Amino acid sequence: MIGMGAEAPSSMREWALSWIRGSIESYLRGKTPINIVKGRIKRAIESYGVKPEEIGAIINLLQIDPSLTIPRELREERARPLLEFIEELKKGEKSG
């Protein structure tokens, strides 16, 4: 397992980004509970070198992705707690 700040091999990091994107999309569709997604986000950051800012960017992109057939208002409502979680992780990263 890779600790905070260590770099994962790029293929693993890319896989983790794809895993997180799919998990967030599933959450936005109402198919995956938020606590599962939060756990996956923490794992991606701690084990695969993914940065909270990258996950925030994925969330923001999914909110405007025209291929998702989820009403925009619902996407924004569901994305809000995830974005708040990312902000908490960023604060923790700076203080730790």
C-alpha atoms as a PDB file:
ATOM      1  CA  MET A   1       0.000   0.000   0.000  1.00  0.00           C
ATOM      2  CA  ILE A   2       1.240   3.467  -0.871  1.00  0.00           C
ATOM      3  CA  GLY A   3       1.186   6.145   1.815  1.00  0.00           C
ATOM      4  CA  MET A   4      -0.018   9.723   1.486  1.00  0.00           C
ATOM      5  CA  GLY A   5       2.145  11.738  -0.852  1.00  0.00           C
ATOM      6  CA  ALA A   6       3.739   8.686  -2.504  1.00  0.00           C
ATOM      7  CA  GLU A   7       3.246   8.233  -6.210  1.00  0.00           C
ATOM      8  CA  ALA A   8       1.452   5.145  -7.474  1.00  0.00           C
ATOM      9  CA  PRO A   9       2.418   3.741 -10.878  1.00  0.00           C
ATOM     10  CA  SER A  10       0.572   5.806 -13.479  1.00  0.00           C
ATOM     11  CA  SER A  11      -1.476   2.831 -14.714  1.00  0.00           C
ATOM     12  CA  MET A  12      -2.788   2.200 -11.182  1.00  0.00           C
ATOM     13  CA  ARG A  13      -3.496   5.894 -10.690  1.00  0.00           C
ATOM     14  CA  GLU A  14      -5.398   6.037 -13.999  1.00  0.00           C
ATOM     15  CA  TRP A  15      -7.352   2.942 -12.987  1.00  0.00           C
ATOM     16  CA  ALA A  16      -8.204   4.590  -9.641  1.00  0.00           C
ATOM     17  CA  LEU A  17      -9.413   7.766 -11.393  1.00  0.00           C
ATOM     18  CA  SER A  18     -11.640   5.670 -13.663  1.00  0.00           C
ATOM     19  CA  TRP A  19     -12.911   3.676 -10.646  1.00  0.00           C
ATOM     20  CA  ILE A  20     -13.771   6.881  -8.806  1.00  0.00           C
ATOM     21  CA  ARG A  21     -15.498   8.373 -11.852  1.00  0.00           C
ATOM     22  CA  GLY A  22     -17.673   5.268 -12.220  1.00  0.00           C
ATOM     23  CA  SER A  23     -18.426   5.229  -8.499  1.00  0.00           C
ATOM     24  CA  ILE A  24     -19.462   8.893  -8.488  1.00  0.00           C
ATOM     25  CA  GLU A  25     -21.592   8.423 -11.599  1.00  0.00           C
ATOM     26  CA  SER A  26     -23.293   5.434  -9.948  1.00  0.00           C
ATOM     27  CA  TYR A  27     -23.933   7.539  -6.823  1.00  0.00           C
ATOM     28  CA  LEU A  28     -25.387  10.384  -8.905  1.00  0.00           C
ATOM     29  CA  ARG A  29     -27.735   7.847 -10.521  1.00  0.00           C
ATOM     30  CA  GLY A  30     -28.827   6.689  -7.042  1.00  0.00           C
ATOM     31  CA  LYS A  31     -27.277   3.218  -7.380  1.00  0.00           C
ATOM     32  CA  THR A  32     -24.379   3.464  -4.889  1.00  0.00           C
ATOM     33  CA  PRO A  33     -24.665   4.815  -1.315  1.00  0.00           C
ATOM     34  CA  ILE A  34     -22.640   7.931  -0.522  1.00  0.00           C
ATOM     35  CA  ASN A  35     -20.730   6.232   2.314  1.00  0.00           C
ATOM     36  CA  ILE A  36     -19.374   3.647  -0.167  1.00  0.00           C
ATOM     37  CA  VAL A  37     -18.267   6.403  -2.549  1.00  0.00           C
ATOM     38  CA  LYS A  38     -16.609   8.363   0.263  1.00  0.00           C
ATOM     39  CA  GLY A  39     -14.675   5.246   1.278  1.00  0.00           C
ATOM     40  CA  ARG A  40     -13.537   4.696  -2.303  1.00  0.00           C
ATOM     41  CA  ILE A  41     -12.451   8.328  -2.586  1.00  0.00           C
ATOM     42  CA  LYS A  42     -10.361   8.035   0.596  1.00  0.00           C
ATOM     43  CA  ARG A  43      -8.839   4.801  -0.677  1.00  0.00           C
ATOM     44  CA  ALA A  44      -7.957   6.375  -4.037  1.00  0.00           C
ATOM     45  CA  ILE A  45      -6.246   9.294  -2.284  1.00  0.00           C
ATOM     46  CA  GLU A  46      -4.415   7.213   0.318  1.00  0.00           C
ATOM     47  CA  SER A  47      -3.448   4.222  -1.836  1.00  0.00           C
ATOM     48  CA  TYR A  48      -3.235   5.414  -5.434  1.00  0.00           C
ATOM     49  CA  GLY A  49      -1.911   8.974  -5.235  1.00  0.00           C
ATOM     50  CA  VAL A  50      -5.095  10.607  -6.529  1.00  0.00           C
ATOM     51  CA  LYS A  51      -5.442  14.232  -5.424  1.00  0.00           C
ATOM     52  CA  PRO A  52      -8.662  15.613  -3.890  1.00  0.00           C
ATOM     53  CA  GLU A  53      -8.616  18.367  -6.550  1.00  0.00           C
ATOM     54  CA  GLU A  54      -8.762  15.726  -9.277  1.00  0.00           C
ATOM     55  CA  ILE A  55     -11.792  14.116  -7.683  1.00  0.00           C
ATOM     56  CA  GLY A  56     -13.441  17.523  -7.333  1.00  0.00           C
ATOM     57  CA  ALA A  57     -12.848  18.078 -11.052  1.00  0.00           C
ATOM     58  CA  ILE A  58     -14.466  14.718 -11.862  1.00  0.00           C
ATOM     59  CA  ILE A  59     -17.517  15.641  -9.783  1.00  0.00           C
ATOM     60  CA  ASN A  60     -17.789  19.020 -11.505  1.00  0.00           C
ATOM     61  CA  LEU A  61     -17.462  17.448 -14.962  1.00  0.00           C
ATOM     62  CA  LEU A  62     -20.139  14.869 -14.191  1.00  0.00           C
ATOM     63  CA  GLN A  63     -22.509  17.665 -13.156  1.00  0.00           C
ATOM     64  CA  ILE A  64     -22.397  19.053 -16.708  1.00  0.00           C
ATOM     65  CA  ASP A  65     -21.928  15.803 -18.677  1.00  0.00           C
ATOM     66  CA  PRO A  66     -24.688  15.749 -21.328  1.00  0.00           C
ATOM     67  CA  SER A  67     -24.478  11.947 -21.644  1.00  0.00           C
ATOM     68  CA  LEU A  68     -25.873  11.463 -18.116  1.00  0.00           C
ATOM     69  CA  THR A  69     -29.644  11.256 -18.189  1.00  0.00           C
ATOM     70  CA  ILE A  70     -30.052  12.660 -14.687  1.00  0.00           C
ATOM     71  CA  PRO A  71     -31.799  16.018 -14.185  1.00  0.00           C
ATOM     72  CA  ARG A  72     -29.223  18.736 -13.566  1.00  0.00           C
ATOM     73  CA  GLU A  73     -30.878  19.848 -10.306  1.00  0.00           C
ATOM     74  CA  LEU A  74     -30.676  16.286  -8.953  1.00  0.00           C
ATOM     75  CA  ARG A  75     -27.011  16.000  -9.980  1.00  0.00           C
ATOM     76  CA  GLU A  76     -26.195  19.250  -8.189  1.00  0.00           C
ATOM     77  CA  GLU A  77     -28.115  18.187  -5.070  1.00  0.00           C
ATOM     78  CA  ARG A  78     -26.333  14.821  -4.921  1.00  0.00           C
ATOM     79  CA  ALA A  79     -22.921  16.287  -5.793  1.00  0.00           C
ATOM     80  CA  ARG A  80     -23.010  18.890  -3.007  1.00  0.00           C
ATOM     81  CA  PRO A  81     -22.176  16.511  -0.099  1.00  0.00           C
ATOM     82  CA  LEU A  82     -19.372  14.941  -2.133  1.00  0.00           C
ATOM     83  CA  LEU A  83     -17.864  18.341  -2.910  1.00  0.00           C
ATOM     84  CA  GLU A  84     -18.069  19.230   0.794  1.00  0.00           C
ATOM     85  CA  PHE A  85     -16.326  15.936   1.610  1.00  0.00           C
ATOM     86  CA  ILE A  86     -13.544  16.767  -0.874  1.00  0.00           C
ATOM     87  CA  GLU A  87     -13.084  20.169   0.782  1.00  0.00           C
ATOM     88  CA  GLU A  88     -12.741  18.462   4.176  1.00  0.00           C
ATOM     89  CA  LEU A  89     -10.117  16.128   2.722  1.00  0.00           C
ATOM     90  CA  LYS A  90      -8.195  19.088   1.263  1.00  0.00           C
ATOM     91  CA  LYS A  91      -8.177  20.799   4.667  1.00  0.00           C
ATOM     92  CA  GLY A  92      -6.964  17.624   6.351  1.00  0.00           C
ATOM     93  CA  GLU A  93      -4.205  17.252   3.772  1.00  0.00           C
ATOM     94  CA  LYS A  94      -2.950  20.792   4.464  1.00  0.00           C
ATOM     95  CA  SER A  95      -3.005  20.413   8.246  1.00  0.00           C
ATOM     96  CA  GLY A  96      -1.475  16.941   8.233  1.00  0.00           C
END
